[in-house]
Amino acid sequence: MSVVLLVGLLGSGLVASPAGAASVRTDPLASQAAAVEAATFWLGDGGANLRSATPYSVQTAVDDVSPRGEVPIDTKPGIVAPTPPAIPGKGNTTFGKVFFLGADGLPHWCTGTAVQSQYRNIVATAAHCVYDTQRSDATLGKWVFVPGYSDGTAPWGLYVGKQAFTHYDFPVYGDYDRDYAFVNVYNGVVSPAPGELTDAGRLVDSVGGQGLAWNQPPGSSADVFGYPAGSHPDGKQPYTGESLESSSGRTTAAAVPSLKAEEFAAVGSPFTGEGALGSSWLLRYDKSTRLGVLNGITVSVADTDGDLRYDTSLSPYFDGELSEVYRAAVITWSGSIVPA
């Protein structure tokens, strides 16, 4: 990855933070008018562009993972509690796909997760599923989230990204220790008829929101949720990307020299990289409510035992600086793209 390329992203925005806190980077994704265009692009022609999208294949796997004996705890541990949907009995569907146009101009997708926030409008995913590391453009185009995505449809609505928040060091320096992003989305929309959009309400009201945890000790059991679709190094492809998959394992501290990442977390998982980018790692997951607390986001996978099968998912360690990025996103209102 070229540092010169990434420096071109400097012009968009920076949120000032208190002394000693993280530098928070924020960038607009779509104005209200652009959001209508994005929703129409994805929902038009019976969801043809949703169906034609392929799993994002940028930085899906690494060759070397080194264990670390400690994690970089920089502040006190913290937890934000999850919340169920506002409509009783509607069911939790926080997991879904984020869709966007890549540097090739074609539709692609990663995994994303709805997270609780003040305005109930945040999606968490990998930063390189929001920021375009292959071009000098700040962000990926026509970015949307579809919870519970199924065969070109958006059963709980389609949510267009309004504003992206990440750590300053990722888009500017290509620091994969900060490869996480929180995106504020507009109210969801559905298309009851061609060319027509109807407001579907706020994201977390509709599907619920996972909690968030930072500065947690390694060794915890984590449940991983995502839409893996790529093949293993041996060529076998056990996942299609069409349905939500899950795995569980214990977290450890890790470093990834090829990414110059020294503050990573690892978890045992058979997920392949394509499609699984952005997968959520949940602590304290309750199967009955389908809620837990987010404590990792898959940004790459690895085959650590050399058997040509991926066995480990990797995430930046969630520390106090991540919580500062979240706190900046949590106070950002989005609203509706459909005229009142």
C-alpha atoms as a PDB file:
ATOM      1  CA  MET A   1       0.000   0.000   0.000  1.00  0.00           C
ATOM      2  CA  SER A   2       1.360   3.379  -0.998  1.00  0.00           C
ATOM      3  CA  VAL A   3       1.600   6.051   1.673  1.00  0.00           C
ATOM      4  CA  VAL A   4       1.731   8.646  -1.113  1.00  0.00           C
ATOM      5  CA  LEU A   5      -1.641   7.409  -2.371  1.00  0.00           C
ATOM      6  CA  LEU A   6      -3.230   7.610   1.051  1.00  0.00           C
ATOM      7  CA  VAL A   7      -1.940  11.099   1.781  1.00  0.00           C
ATOM      8  CA  GLY A   8      -4.325  12.239  -0.946  1.00  0.00           C
ATOM      9  CA  LEU A   9      -7.193  11.515   1.457  1.00  0.00           C
ATOM     10  CA  LEU A  10      -6.172  14.274   3.871  1.00  0.00           C
ATOM     11  CA  GLY A  11      -8.538  16.952   2.677  1.00  0.00           C
ATOM     12  CA  SER A  12     -11.886  15.622   3.825  1.00  0.00           C
ATOM     13  CA  GLY A  13     -12.117  16.075   7.555  1.00  0.00           C
ATOM     14  CA  LEU A  14     -10.695  15.732  11.030  1.00  0.00           C
ATOM     15  CA  VAL A  15     -12.554  15.906  14.329  1.00  0.00           C
ATOM     16  CA  ALA A  16     -10.540  17.591  17.059  1.00  0.00           C
ATOM     17  CA  SER A  17     -10.117  15.387  20.135  1.00  0.00           C
ATOM     18  CA  PRO A  18      -9.088  16.119  23.708  1.00  0.00           C
ATOM     19  CA  ALA A  19      -5.382  15.969  24.547  1.00  0.00           C
ATOM     20  CA  GLY A  20      -4.250  12.350  24.762  1.00  0.00           C
ATOM     21  CA  ALA A  21      -7.334  11.063  22.926  1.00  0.00           C
ATOM     22  CA  ALA A  22      -7.515   9.516  19.480  1.00  0.00           C
ATOM     23  CA  SER A  23      -7.443  11.655  16.354  1.00  0.00           C
ATOM     24  CA  VAL A  24     -10.821  10.982  14.759  1.00  0.00           C
ATOM     25  CA  ARG A  25     -11.214  11.168  10.995  1.00  0.00           C
ATOM     26  CA  THR A  26     -14.681  11.860   9.565  1.00  0.00           C
ATOM     27  CA  ASP A  27     -15.793  12.045   5.930  1.00  0.00           C
ATOM     28  CA  PRO A  28     -19.179  12.546   4.252  1.00  0.00           C
ATOM     29  CA  LEU A  29     -20.515   9.618   2.250  1.00  0.00           C
ATOM     30  CA  ALA A  30     -23.703  11.028   0.694  1.00  0.00           C
ATOM     31  CA  SER A  31     -25.811  14.152   0.776  1.00  0.00           C
ATOM     32  CA  GLN A  32     -29.560  13.665   0.924  1.00  0.00           C
ATOM     33  CA  ALA A  33     -29.844  13.947  -2.866  1.00  0.00           C
ATOM     34  CA  ALA A  34     -26.927  11.570  -3.425  1.00  0.00           C
ATOM     35  CA  ALA A  35     -28.463   9.160  -0.923  1.00  0.00           C
ATOM     36  CA  VAL A  36     -31.664   8.994  -2.984  1.00  0.00           C
ATOM     37  CA  GLU A  37     -29.558   8.230  -6.069  1.00  0.00           C
ATOM     38  CA  ALA A  38     -27.652   5.506  -4.195  1.00  0.00           C
ATOM     39  CA  ALA A  39     -30.836   3.870  -2.899  1.00  0.00           C
ATOM     40  CA  THR A  40     -32.352   3.929  -6.385  1.00  0.00           C
ATOM     41  CA  PHE A  41     -29.154   2.441  -7.847  1.00  0.00           C
ATOM     42  CA  TRP A  42     -29.243  -0.543  -5.501  1.00  0.00           C
ATOM     43  CA  LEU A  43     -33.003  -1.130  -5.309  1.00  0.00           C
ATOM     44  CA  GLY A  44     -33.797  -0.449  -8.960  1.00  0.00           C
ATOM     45  CA  ASP A  45     -34.419  -3.205 -11.509  1.00  0.00           C
ATOM     46  CA  GLY A  46     -35.505  -5.573  -8.780  1.00  0.00           C
ATOM     47  CA  GLY A  47     -32.209  -5.268  -6.899  1.00  0.00           C
ATOM     48  CA  ALA A  48     -30.101  -6.198  -9.943  1.00  0.00           C
ATOM     49  CA  ASN A  49     -27.021  -4.359  -8.681  1.00  0.00           C
ATOM     50  CA  LEU A  50     -27.329  -6.017  -5.258  1.00  0.00           C
ATOM     51  CA  ARG A  51     -27.443  -9.418  -6.948  1.00  0.00           C
ATOM     52  CA  SER A  52     -24.501  -8.704  -9.248  1.00  0.00           C
ATOM     53  CA  ALA A  53     -22.227  -7.476  -6.450  1.00  0.00           C
ATOM     54  CA  THR A  54     -19.202  -9.658  -5.677  1.00  0.00           C
ATOM     55  CA  PRO A  55     -17.340 -10.042  -2.367  1.00  0.00           C
ATOM     56  CA  TYR A  56     -14.636  -7.422  -1.842  1.00  0.00           C
ATOM     57  CA  SER A  57     -11.204  -8.960  -2.347  1.00  0.00           C
ATOM     58  CA  VAL A  58      -8.888  -6.206  -1.060  1.00  0.00           C
ATOM     59  CA  GLN A  59      -6.525  -7.345   1.727  1.00  0.00           C
ATOM     60  CA  THR A  60      -8.400 -10.561   2.467  1.00  0.00           C
ATOM     61  CA  ALA A  61      -5.521 -12.749   3.705  1.00  0.00           C
ATOM     62  CA  VAL A  62      -2.067 -12.480   5.298  1.00  0.00           C
ATOM     63  CA  ASP A  63       0.795 -14.973   5.398  1.00  0.00           C
ATOM     64  CA  ASP A  64       2.305 -14.388   8.807  1.00  0.00           C
ATOM     65  CA  VAL A  65       0.756 -14.005  12.261  1.00  0.00           C
ATOM     66  CA  SER A  66       2.905 -13.663  15.375  1.00  0.00           C
ATOM     67  CA  PRO A  67       1.533 -14.229  18.889  1.00  0.00           C
ATOM     68  CA  ARG A  68       1.870 -11.433  21.430  1.00  0.00           C
ATOM     69  CA  GLY A  69       1.988 -11.836  25.165  1.00  0.00           C
ATOM     70  CA  GLU A  70       0.065  -8.677  26.013  1.00  0.00           C
ATOM     71  CA  VAL A  71      -2.509  -6.273  24.675  1.00  0.00           C
ATOM     72  CA  PRO A  72      -2.191  -2.464  24.533  1.00  0.00           C
ATOM     73  CA  ILE A  73      -4.735  -1.528  27.219  1.00  0.00           C
ATOM     74  CA  ASP A  74      -4.636   2.282  27.248  1.00  0.00           C
ATOM     75  CA  THR A  75      -7.676   3.206  29.359  1.00  0.00           C
ATOM     76  CA  LYS A  76     -10.139   1.486  31.644  1.00  0.00           C
ATOM     77  CA  PRO A  77     -12.241  -1.274  30.034  1.00  0.00           C
ATOM     78  CA  GLY A  78     -15.631  -0.095  28.841  1.00  0.00           C
ATOM     79  CA  ILE A  79     -18.883  -1.592  27.586  1.00  0.00           C
ATOM     80  CA  VAL A  80     -21.938  -0.173  25.815  1.00  0.00           C
ATOM     81  CA  ALA A  81     -24.970  -2.443  26.264  1.00  0.00           C
ATOM     82  CA  PRO A  82     -26.833  -3.825  23.224  1.00  0.00           C
ATOM     83  CA  THR A  83     -30.461  -3.003  22.537  1.00  0.00           C
ATOM     84  CA  PRO A  84     -33.316  -5.010  20.982  1.00  0.00           C
ATOM     85  CA  PRO A  85     -35.509  -3.705  18.145  1.00  0.00           C
ATOM     86  CA  ALA A  86     -38.051  -1.049  19.105  1.00  0.00           C
ATOM     87  CA  ILE A  87     -40.889  -3.198  17.783  1.00  0.00           C
ATOM     88  CA  PRO A  88     -41.427  -6.214  20.093  1.00  0.00           C
ATOM     89  CA  GLY A  89     -41.306  -9.559  18.329  1.00  0.00           C
ATOM     90  CA  LYS A  90     -39.813  -8.180  15.131  1.00  0.00           C
ATOM     91  CA  GLY A  91     -36.566 -10.102  15.690  1.00  0.00           C
ATOM     92  CA  ASN A  92     -32.924  -9.120  15.801  1.00  0.00           C
ATOM     93  CA  THR A  93     -31.284  -8.887  12.361  1.00  0.00           C
ATOM     94  CA  THR A  94     -28.249  -6.726  13.131  1.00  0.00           C
ATOM     95  CA  PHE A  95     -25.968  -8.589  10.719  1.00  0.00           C
ATOM     96  CA  GLY A  96     -25.969  -7.782   7.032  1.00  0.00           C
ATOM     97  CA  LYS A  97     -23.959  -6.742   4.013  1.00  0.00           C
ATOM     98  CA  VAL A  98     -22.482  -3.354   3.152  1.00  0.00           C
ATOM     99  CA  PHE A  99     -22.542  -2.650  -0.592  1.00  0.00           C
ATOM    100  CA  PHE A 100     -20.441  -0.108  -2.484  1.00  0.00           C
ATOM    101  CA  LEU A 101     -18.639   0.598  -5.751  1.00  0.00           C
ATOM    102  CA  GLY A 102     -14.975  -0.382  -5.721  1.00  0.00           C
ATOM    103  CA  ALA A 103     -12.022   1.177  -7.509  1.00  0.00           C
ATOM    104  CA  ASP A 104     -12.994  -0.899 -10.553  1.00  0.00           C
ATOM    105  CA  GLY A 105     -16.378   0.847 -10.659  1.00  0.00           C
ATOM    106  CA  LEU A 106     -18.191  -2.430 -10.001  1.00  0.00           C
ATOM    107  CA  PRO A 107     -20.520  -3.404  -7.128  1.00  0.00           C
ATOM    108  CA  HIS A 108     -18.907  -5.216  -4.173  1.00  0.00           C
ATOM    109  CA  TRP A 109     -19.846  -6.120  -0.618  1.00  0.00           C
ATOM    110  CA  CYS A 110     -18.434  -6.752   2.847  1.00  0.00           C
ATOM    111  CA  THR A 111     -20.113  -7.698   6.121  1.00  0.00           C
ATOM    112  CA  GLY A 112     -21.471  -5.046   8.499  1.00  0.00           C
ATOM    113  CA  THR A 113     -23.256  -4.914  11.855  1.00  0.00           C
ATOM    114  CA  ALA A 114     -25.791  -2.533  13.397  1.00  0.00           C
ATOM    115  CA  VAL A 115     -24.508  -1.053  16.681  1.00  0.00           C
ATOM    116  CA  GLN A 116     -26.412   0.751  19.406  1.00  0.00           C
ATOM    117  CA  SER A 117     -26.008   4.546  19.491  1.00  0.00           C
ATOM    118  CA  GLN A 118     -27.769   7.714  20.608  1.00  0.00           C
ATOM    119  CA  TYR A 119     -29.519   8.169  17.268  1.00  0.00           C
ATOM    120  CA  ARG A 120     -29.744   4.404  16.574  1.00  0.00           C
ATOM    121  CA  ASN A 121     -28.024   4.800  13.230  1.00  0.00           C
ATOM    122  CA  ILE A 122     -24.534   3.224  13.307  1.00  0.00           C
ATOM    123  CA  VAL A 123     -23.010   0.399  11.263  1.00  0.00           C
ATOM    124  CA  ALA A 124     -19.608  -1.078  12.172  1.00  0.00           C
ATOM    125  CA  THR A 125     -17.312  -2.648   9.569  1.00  0.00           C
ATOM    126  CA  ALA A 126     -13.674  -2.722   8.454  1.00  0.00           C
ATOM    127  CA  ALA A 127     -12.312   0.712   7.524  1.00  0.00           C
ATOM    128  CA  HIS A 128     -11.060  -0.612   4.191  1.00  0.00           C
ATOM    129  CA  CYS A 129     -14.681  -1.508   3.391  1.00  0.00           C
ATOM    130  CA  VAL A 130     -15.438   2.239   3.650  1.00  0.00           C
ATOM    131  CA  TYR A 131     -12.200   3.999   2.657  1.00  0.00           C
ATOM    132  CA  ASP A 132     -10.814   3.287  -0.804  1.00  0.00           C
ATOM    133  CA  THR A 133      -7.176   2.227  -0.379  1.00  0.00           C
ATOM    134  CA  GLN A 134      -6.734   1.668  -4.139  1.00  0.00           C
ATOM    135  CA  ARG A 135      -7.495   5.211  -5.315  1.00  0.00           C
ATOM    136  CA  SER A 136      -7.017   8.744  -4.047  1.00  0.00           C
ATOM    137  CA  ASP A 137     -10.769   9.127  -3.484  1.00  0.00           C
ATOM    138  CA  ALA A 138     -11.588   9.380   0.217  1.00  0.00           C
ATOM    139  CA  THR A 139     -14.404   6.854   0.387  1.00  0.00           C
ATOM    140  CA  LEU A 140     -16.023   4.048  -1.576  1.00  0.00           C
ATOM    141  CA  GLY A 141     -19.026   5.087  -3.668  1.00  0.00           C
ATOM    142  CA  LYS A 142     -22.754   4.489  -3.154  1.00  0.00           C
ATOM    143  CA  TRP A 143     -22.177   2.937   0.276  1.00  0.00           C
ATOM    144  CA  VAL A 144     -25.235   1.238   1.810  1.00  0.00           C
ATOM    145  CA  PHE A 145     -26.075  -1.332   4.486  1.00  0.00           C
ATOM    146  CA  VAL A 146     -28.681  -4.070   4.044  1.00  0.00           C
ATOM    147  CA  PRO A 147     -29.429  -5.991   7.259  1.00  0.00           C
ATOM    148  CA  GLY A 148     -30.670  -9.532   6.706  1.00  0.00           C
ATOM    149  CA  TYR A 149     -29.836  -9.303   2.994  1.00  0.00           C
ATOM    150  CA  SER A 150     -31.427 -12.058   0.912  1.00  0.00           C
ATOM    151  CA  ASP A 151     -31.252 -12.586  -2.864  1.00  0.00           C
ATOM    152  CA  GLY A 152     -31.401  -8.991  -4.037  1.00  0.00           C
ATOM    153  CA  THR A 153     -33.963  -7.915  -1.459  1.00  0.00           C
ATOM    154  CA  ALA A 154     -33.800  -5.642   1.586  1.00  0.00           C
ATOM    155  CA  PRO A 155     -36.427  -7.143   3.924  1.00  0.00           C
ATOM    156  CA  TRP A 156     -35.647  -4.675   6.740  1.00  0.00           C
ATOM    157  CA  GLY A 157     -34.817  -1.757   4.454  1.00  0.00           C
ATOM    158  CA  LEU A 158     -31.731  -0.349   2.776  1.00  0.00           C
ATOM    159  CA  TYR A 159     -29.709   2.221   4.743  1.00  0.00           C
ATOM    160  CA  VAL A 160     -27.518   4.700   2.862  1.00  0.00           C
ATOM    161  CA  GLY A 161     -24.317   5.843   4.560  1.00  0.00           C
ATOM    162  CA  LYS A 162     -24.256   9.531   5.493  1.00  0.00           C
ATOM    163  CA  GLN A 163     -21.006  10.031   7.435  1.00  0.00           C
ATOM    164  CA  ALA A 164     -17.972   7.803   8.063  1.00  0.00           C
ATOM    165  CA  PHE A 165     -15.797   7.854  11.176  1.00  0.00           C
ATOM    166  CA  THR A 166     -12.453   6.144  11.610  1.00  0.00           C
ATOM    167  CA  HIS A 167      -9.085   6.715  13.258  1.00  0.00           C
ATOM    168  CA  TYR A 168      -7.006   9.360  11.495  1.00  0.00           C
ATOM    169  CA  ASP A 169      -4.099   6.944  11.120  1.00  0.00           C
ATOM    170  CA  PHE A 170      -5.891   4.534   8.812  1.00  0.00           C
ATOM    171  CA  PRO A 171      -6.723   6.690   5.764  1.00  0.00           C
ATOM    172  CA  VAL A 172      -3.662   8.911   6.180  1.00  0.00           C
ATOM    173  CA  TYR A 173      -0.921   6.406   7.073  1.00  0.00           C
ATOM    174  CA  GLY A 174      -2.467   3.066   6.117  1.00  0.00           C
ATOM    175  CA  ASP A 175      -2.245   1.878   9.742  1.00  0.00           C
ATOM    176  CA  TYR A 176      -4.071  -1.463   9.866  1.00  0.00           C
ATOM    177  CA  ASP A 177      -4.022  -1.362  13.668  1.00  0.00           C
ATOM    178  CA  ARG A 178      -6.856   1.159  13.094  1.00  0.00           C
ATOM    179  CA  ASP A 179      -8.749  -0.697  10.355  1.00  0.00           C
ATOM    180  CA  TYR A 180     -12.231  -0.079  11.778  1.00  0.00           C
ATOM    181  CA  ALA A 181     -15.032   2.301  10.894  1.00  0.00           C
ATOM    182  CA  PHE A 182     -18.387   3.440  12.232  1.00  0.00           C
ATOM    183  CA  VAL A 183     -20.853   4.747   9.654  1.00  0.00           C
ATOM    184  CA  ASN A 184     -23.937   6.840  10.375  1.00  0.00           C
ATOM    185  CA  VAL A 185     -26.744   5.795   8.051  1.00  0.00           C
ATOM    186  CA  TYR A 186     -29.897   7.612   7.039  1.00  0.00           C
ATOM    187  CA  ASN A 187     -33.275   6.096   7.880  1.00  0.00           C
ATOM    188  CA  GLY A 188     -33.900   2.961   5.868  1.00  0.00           C
ATOM    189  CA  VAL A 189     -35.909   2.909   2.669  1.00  0.00           C
ATOM    190  CA  VAL A 190     -37.892   0.269   0.808  1.00  0.00           C
ATOM    191  CA  SER A 191     -39.150   0.414  -2.761  1.00  0.00           C
ATOM    192  CA  PRO A 192     -42.806  -0.676  -2.949  1.00  0.00           C
ATOM    193  CA  ALA A 193     -42.937   0.235  -6.647  1.00  0.00           C
ATOM    194  CA  PRO A 194     -40.355   1.091  -9.344  1.00  0.00           C
ATOM    195  CA  GLY A 195     -38.932   4.569  -8.763  1.00  0.00           C
ATOM    196  CA  GLU A 196     -40.670   4.923  -5.395  1.00  0.00           C
ATOM    197  CA  LEU A 197     -38.967   5.070  -1.980  1.00  0.00           C
ATOM    198  CA  THR A 198     -40.706   4.793   1.386  1.00  0.00           C
ATOM    199  CA  ASP A 199     -39.123   5.560   4.761  1.00  0.00           C
ATOM    200  CA  ALA A 200     -38.470   2.406   6.843  1.00  0.00           C
ATOM    201  CA  GLY A 201     -37.338   4.120  10.059  1.00  0.00           C
ATOM    202  CA  ARG A 202     -34.096   4.140  12.006  1.00  0.00           C
ATOM    203  CA  LEU A 203     -31.754   1.185  11.725  1.00  0.00           C
ATOM    204  CA  VAL A 204     -31.554   0.062  15.357  1.00  0.00           C
ATOM    205  CA  ASP A 205     -35.276   0.654  15.883  1.00  0.00           C
ATOM    206  CA  SER A 206     -35.889  -1.823  13.061  1.00  0.00           C
ATOM    207  CA  VAL A 207     -33.305  -4.553  13.705  1.00  0.00           C
ATOM    208  CA  GLY A 208     -31.704  -3.934  17.108  1.00  0.00           C
ATOM    209  CA  GLY A 209     -28.115  -2.951  17.843  1.00  0.00           C
ATOM    210  CA  GLN A 210     -25.131  -4.830  19.206  1.00  0.00           C
ATOM    211  CA  GLY A 211     -23.224  -3.365  22.129  1.00  0.00           C
ATOM    212  CA  LEU A 212     -19.542  -2.403  22.098  1.00  0.00           C
ATOM    213  CA  ALA A 213     -16.611  -3.314  24.342  1.00  0.00           C
ATOM    214  CA  TRP A 214     -13.026  -2.072  24.486  1.00  0.00           C
ATOM    215  CA  ASN A 215      -9.864  -2.816  26.453  1.00  0.00           C
ATOM    216  CA  GLN A 216     -10.999  -6.362  27.152  1.00  0.00           C
ATOM    217  CA  PRO A 217      -8.416  -9.002  28.154  1.00  0.00           C
ATOM    218  CA  PRO A 218      -7.536 -11.729  25.627  1.00  0.00           C
ATOM    219  CA  GLY A 219      -8.748 -15.266  26.178  1.00  0.00           C
ATOM    220  CA  SER A 220     -12.446 -14.433  26.003  1.00  0.00           C
ATOM    221  CA  SER A 221     -14.796 -16.572  23.932  1.00  0.00           C
ATOM    222  CA  ALA A 222     -16.005 -14.706  20.847  1.00  0.00           C
ATOM    223  CA  ASP A 223     -18.766 -15.574  18.389  1.00  0.00           C
ATOM    224  CA  VAL A 224     -17.952 -14.468  14.834  1.00  0.00           C
ATOM    225  CA  PHE A 225     -20.725 -13.627  12.351  1.00  0.00           C
ATOM    226  CA  GLY A 226     -20.271 -12.869   8.677  1.00  0.00           C
ATOM    227  CA  TYR A 227     -20.862 -13.783   5.049  1.00  0.00           C
ATOM    228  CA  PRO A 228     -17.684 -15.609   3.916  1.00  0.00           C
ATOM    229  CA  ALA A 229     -17.627 -16.445   0.222  1.00  0.00           C
ATOM    230  CA  GLY A 230     -14.060 -16.935  -1.014  1.00  0.00           C
ATOM    231  CA  SER A 231     -12.026 -20.113  -1.339  1.00  0.00           C
ATOM    232  CA  HIS A 232      -9.338 -21.596   0.893  1.00  0.00           C
ATOM    233  CA  PRO A 233      -5.737 -21.752  -0.432  1.00  0.00           C
ATOM    234  CA  ASP A 234      -6.417 -25.375  -1.427  1.00  0.00           C
ATOM    235  CA  GLY A 235      -9.124 -24.160  -3.801  1.00  0.00           C
ATOM    236  CA  LYS A 236     -12.076 -25.513  -1.867  1.00  0.00           C
ATOM    237  CA  GLN A 237     -14.963 -23.097  -1.352  1.00  0.00           C
ATOM    238  CA  PRO A 238     -17.193 -24.144   1.565  1.00  0.00           C
ATOM    239  CA  TYR A 239     -19.156 -20.871   1.710  1.00  0.00           C
ATOM    240  CA  THR A 240     -21.299 -19.114  -0.867  1.00  0.00           C
ATOM    241  CA  GLY A 241     -21.756 -15.720   0.807  1.00  0.00           C
ATOM    242  CA  GLU A 242     -25.525 -16.104   0.446  1.00  0.00           C
ATOM    243  CA  SER A 243     -26.238 -16.842   4.103  1.00  0.00           C
ATOM    244  CA  LEU A 244     -24.992 -15.660   7.474  1.00  0.00           C
ATOM    245  CA  GLU A 245     -22.374 -17.995   8.965  1.00  0.00           C
ATOM    246  CA  SER A 246     -21.013 -18.189  12.495  1.00  0.00           C
ATOM    247  CA  SER A 247     -18.061 -19.677  14.345  1.00  0.00           C
ATOM    248  CA  SER A 248     -16.647 -19.342  17.843  1.00  0.00           C
ATOM    249  CA  GLY A 249     -13.212 -19.360  19.429  1.00  0.00           C
ATOM    250  CA  ARG A 250     -11.014 -17.715  22.034  1.00  0.00           C
ATOM    251  CA  THR A 251      -9.271 -14.434  21.361  1.00  0.00           C
ATOM    252  CA  THR A 252      -5.507 -13.947  21.596  1.00  0.00           C
ATOM    253  CA  ALA A 253      -3.162 -11.012  21.084  1.00  0.00           C
ATOM    254  CA  ALA A 254      -1.321 -11.019  17.755  1.00  0.00           C
ATOM    255  CA  ALA A 255       0.902  -9.048  15.412  1.00  0.00           C
ATOM    256  CA  VAL A 256       0.905  -9.148  11.595  1.00  0.00           C
ATOM    257  CA  PRO A 257       4.305  -8.015  10.241  1.00  0.00           C
ATOM    258  CA  SER A 258       3.167  -7.893   6.598  1.00  0.00           C
ATOM    259  CA  LEU A 259       0.600  -5.220   7.543  1.00  0.00           C
ATOM    260  CA  LYS A 260       2.960  -3.558  10.039  1.00  0.00           C
ATOM    261  CA  ALA A 261       0.217  -4.265  12.555  1.00  0.00           C
ATOM    262  CA  GLU A 262       1.414  -4.674  16.136  1.00  0.00           C
ATOM    263  CA  GLU A 263      -1.903  -4.395  18.009  1.00  0.00           C
ATOM    264  CA  PHE A 264      -4.124  -7.088  16.549  1.00  0.00           C
ATOM    265  CA  ALA A 265      -6.452  -9.664  18.017  1.00  0.00           C
ATOM    266  CA  ALA A 266      -6.847 -13.167  16.596  1.00  0.00           C
ATOM    267  CA  VAL A 267      -9.620 -15.735  16.946  1.00  0.00           C
ATOM    268  CA  GLY A 268      -9.857 -19.293  15.662  1.00  0.00           C
ATOM    269  CA  SER A 269     -12.318 -19.303  12.739  1.00  0.00           C
ATOM    270  CA  PRO A 270     -12.634 -21.257   9.466  1.00  0.00           C
ATOM    271  CA  PHE A 271     -13.992 -18.244   7.562  1.00  0.00           C
ATOM    272  CA  THR A 272     -12.412 -17.429   4.218  1.00  0.00           C
ATOM    273  CA  GLY A 273     -11.494 -13.788   3.641  1.00  0.00           C
ATOM    274  CA  GLU A 274     -13.649 -12.641   0.734  1.00  0.00           C
ATOM    275  CA  GLY A 275     -17.063 -11.661   2.040  1.00  0.00           C
ATOM    276  CA  ALA A 276     -15.988 -12.050   5.672  1.00  0.00           C
ATOM    277  CA  LEU A 277     -14.261  -8.658   5.789  1.00  0.00           C
ATOM    278  CA  GLY A 278     -16.155  -6.636   8.390  1.00  0.00           C
ATOM    279  CA  SER A 279     -17.491  -9.702  10.243  1.00  0.00           C
ATOM    280  CA  SER A 280     -18.435  -8.985  13.853  1.00  0.00           C
ATOM    281  CA  TRP A 281     -16.816 -10.602  16.920  1.00  0.00           C
ATOM    282  CA  LEU A 282     -19.292 -10.665  19.787  1.00  0.00           C
ATOM    283  CA  LEU A 283     -18.576 -11.272  23.448  1.00  0.00           C
ATOM    284  CA  ARG A 284     -21.345 -12.389  25.820  1.00  0.00           C
ATOM    285  CA  TYR A 285     -23.512 -13.453  22.898  1.00  0.00           C
ATOM    286  CA  ASP A 286     -27.023 -14.558  23.864  1.00  0.00           C
ATOM    287  CA  LYS A 287     -28.543 -16.941  21.314  1.00  0.00           C
ATOM    288  CA  SER A 288     -32.073 -16.225  22.505  1.00  0.00           C
ATOM    289  CA  THR A 289     -31.833 -12.485  21.824  1.00  0.00           C
ATOM    290  CA  ARG A 290     -29.048 -12.646  19.197  1.00  0.00           C
ATOM    291  CA  LEU A 291     -27.332  -9.821  21.048  1.00  0.00           C
ATOM    292  CA  GLY A 292     -23.866  -9.348  22.516  1.00  0.00           C
ATOM    293  CA  VAL A 293     -21.093  -6.772  22.576  1.00  0.00           C
ATOM    294  CA  LEU A 294     -18.874  -6.068  19.579  1.00  0.00           C
ATOM    295  CA  ASN A 295     -15.193  -6.558  20.384  1.00  0.00           C
ATOM    296  CA  GLY A 296     -13.616  -7.195  17.007  1.00  0.00           C
ATOM    297  CA  ILE A 297     -14.092  -6.740  13.250  1.00  0.00           C
ATOM    298  CA  THR A 298     -12.475  -9.102  10.752  1.00  0.00           C
ATOM    299  CA  VAL A 299     -10.038  -7.266   8.494  1.00  0.00           C
ATOM    300  CA  SER A 300      -8.157 -10.312   7.185  1.00  0.00           C
ATOM    301  CA  VAL A 301      -7.717 -14.062   7.666  1.00  0.00           C
ATOM    302  CA  ALA A 302      -4.743 -16.419   7.848  1.00  0.00           C
ATOM    303  CA  ASP A 303      -3.701 -20.055   7.497  1.00  0.00           C
ATOM    304  CA  THR A 304      -1.474 -20.355  10.555  1.00  0.00           C
ATOM    305  CA  ASP A 305      -0.691 -24.091  10.401  1.00  0.00           C
ATOM    306  CA  GLY A 306       0.148 -24.354   6.705  1.00  0.00           C
ATOM    307  CA  ASP A 307      -2.546 -26.884   5.778  1.00  0.00           C
ATOM    308  CA  LEU A 308      -3.931 -24.618   3.012  1.00  0.00           C
ATOM    309  CA  ARG A 309      -7.096 -23.919   5.005  1.00  0.00           C
ATOM    310  CA  TYR A 310      -7.788 -20.593   6.679  1.00  0.00           C
ATOM    311  CA  ASP A 311      -8.092 -21.069  10.421  1.00  0.00           C
ATOM    312  CA  THR A 312      -7.755 -17.607  11.977  1.00  0.00           C
ATOM    313  CA  SER A 313      -9.611 -14.315  11.662  1.00  0.00           C
ATOM    314  CA  LEU A 314      -7.836 -11.068  12.546  1.00  0.00           C
ATOM    315  CA  SER A 315      -9.044  -7.745  13.938  1.00  0.00           C
ATOM    316  CA  PRO A 316      -7.512  -4.547  15.262  1.00  0.00           C
ATOM    317  CA  TYR A 317      -7.491  -4.658  19.050  1.00  0.00           C
ATOM    318  CA  PHE A 318     -10.391  -2.582  20.381  1.00  0.00           C
ATOM    319  CA  ASP A 319      -8.748  -0.072  22.740  1.00  0.00           C
ATOM    320  CA  GLY A 320      -9.654   3.316  24.157  1.00  0.00           C
ATOM    321  CA  GLU A 321      -8.842   5.069  20.883  1.00  0.00           C
ATOM    322  CA  LEU A 322     -11.521   3.029  19.133  1.00  0.00           C
ATOM    323  CA  SER A 323     -13.986   4.148  21.798  1.00  0.00           C
ATOM    324  CA  GLU A 324     -13.150   7.779  20.962  1.00  0.00           C
ATOM    325  CA  VAL A 325     -14.003   7.151  17.305  1.00  0.00           C
ATOM    326  CA  TYR A 326     -17.280   5.553  18.370  1.00  0.00           C
ATOM    327  CA  ARG A 327     -18.081   8.492  20.682  1.00  0.00           C
ATOM    328  CA  ALA A 328     -17.637  10.911  17.790  1.00  0.00           C
ATOM    329  CA  ALA A 329     -19.978   8.877  15.600  1.00  0.00           C
ATOM    330  CA  VAL A 330     -22.566   8.302  18.303  1.00  0.00           C
ATOM    331  CA  ILE A 331     -23.595  11.964  18.519  1.00  0.00           C
ATOM    332  CA  THR A 332     -24.136  12.377  14.774  1.00  0.00           C
ATOM    333  CA  TRP A 333     -27.746  12.578  13.619  1.00  0.00           C
ATOM    334  CA  SER A 334     -28.739  11.454  10.134  1.00  0.00           C
ATOM    335  CA  GLY A 335     -32.506  11.624   9.461  1.00  0.00           C
ATOM    336  CA  SER A 336     -34.564  10.583   6.448  1.00  0.00           C
ATOM    337  CA  ILE A 337     -33.850  10.812   2.714  1.00  0.00           C
ATOM    338  CA  VAL A 338     -37.547  10.684   1.837  1.00  0.00           C
ATOM    339  CA  PRO A 339     -39.261  14.110   1.700  1.00  0.00           C
ATOM    340  CA  ALA A 340     -41.896  14.569   4.407  1.00  0.00           C
END
